[in-house]
Amino acid sequence: MANTQGPQGNYDPAGSTQMFRAFVDEAPQGTQQAAASSGPRIGLIVGVVVAIAVVAAVAWLALK
């Protein structure tokens, strides 16, 4: 096991913080952009589906 220090000097026995930072720093730029651009689109789709479900539930209760 490596005795590594975290960003604030905290002891990190597994070195997970250092491995995570290395992974994030080495991530391809295109992958980060694709994830960022698909995020708002997925949120919009989920919002529309939820809105349709709410309207359908209200209509079903009104017509019942």
Protein backbone atom coordinates (compact mmCIF):
# COMPACT_ATOMS: atom_id res chain seq x y z
CA MET A 1 0.00 0.00 0.00
CA ALA A 2 1.20 3.45 -0.84
CA ASN A 3 1.23 6.09 1.83
CA THR A 4 -0.24 8.99 -0.07
CA GLN A 5 -1.52 12.35 1.06
CA GLY A 6 -4.78 13.88 -0.11
CA PRO A 7 -5.14 17.47 -1.34
CA GLN A 8 -5.40 18.88 2.20
CA GLY A 9 -2.68 16.63 3.58
CA ASN A 10 -5.12 14.02 4.94
CA TYR A 11 -3.78 10.48 5.04
CA ASP A 12 -5.32 8.35 2.26
CA PRO A 13 -4.25 4.73 2.86
CA ALA A 14 -5.74 3.39 -0.37
CA GLY A 15 -4.55 6.27 -2.51
CA SER A 16 -8.06 6.51 -4.00
CA THR A 17 -8.03 10.30 -4.18
CA GLN A 18 -4.82 10.28 -6.16
CA MET A 19 -6.11 7.56 -8.51
CA PHE A 20 -9.40 9.43 -9.02
CA ARG A 21 -7.62 12.67 -9.85
CA ALA A 22 -5.38 10.85 -12.32
CA PHE A 23 -8.44 9.29 -13.97
CA VAL A 24 -10.25 12.63 -14.26
CA ASP A 25 -7.16 14.42 -15.59
CA GLU A 26 -6.58 11.74 -18.25
CA ALA A 27 -10.21 11.56 -19.46
CA PRO A 28 -10.54 12.43 -23.17
CA GLN A 29 -11.97 15.88 -23.84
CA GLY A 30 -14.66 14.54 -26.22
CA THR A 31 -16.07 12.22 -23.54
CA GLN A 32 -16.42 15.07 -21.06
CA GLN A 33 -18.14 17.27 -23.64
CA ALA A 34 -20.56 14.51 -24.67
CA ALA A 35 -21.56 13.90 -21.06
CA ALA A 36 -22.05 17.61 -20.44
CA SER A 37 -24.14 18.16 -23.57
CA SER A 38 -26.37 15.11 -23.03
CA GLY A 39 -27.10 16.04 -19.41
CA PRO A 40 -29.54 18.91 -20.02
CA ARG A 41 -31.20 17.02 -22.88
CA ILE A 42 -31.92 13.99 -20.69
CA GLY A 43 -33.22 16.26 -17.95
CA LEU A 44 -35.57 17.91 -20.45
CA ILE A 45 -36.86 14.54 -21.67
CA VAL A 46 -37.45 13.32 -18.12
CA GLY A 47 -39.23 16.58 -17.28
CA VAL A 48 -41.54 16.26 -20.28
CA VAL A 49 -42.36 12.63 -19.44
CA VAL A 50 -43.15 13.57 -15.83
CA ALA A 51 -45.32 16.49 -16.96
CA ILE A 52 -47.28 14.21 -19.34
CA ALA A 53 -47.75 11.66 -16.56
CA VAL A 54 -49.06 14.34 -14.19
CA VAL A 55 -51.49 15.71 -16.80
CA ALA A 56 -52.69 12.18 -17.60
CA ALA A 57 -53.22 11.42 -13.89
CA VAL A 58 -55.17 14.65 -13.36
CA ALA A 59 -57.31 13.97 -16.45
CA TRP A 60 -57.97 10.39 -15.32
CA LEU A 61 -59.04 11.57 -11.87
CA ALA A 62 -61.26 14.29 -13.36
CA LEU A 63 -63.01 11.88 -15.71
CA LYS A 64 -63.41 9.09 -13.18
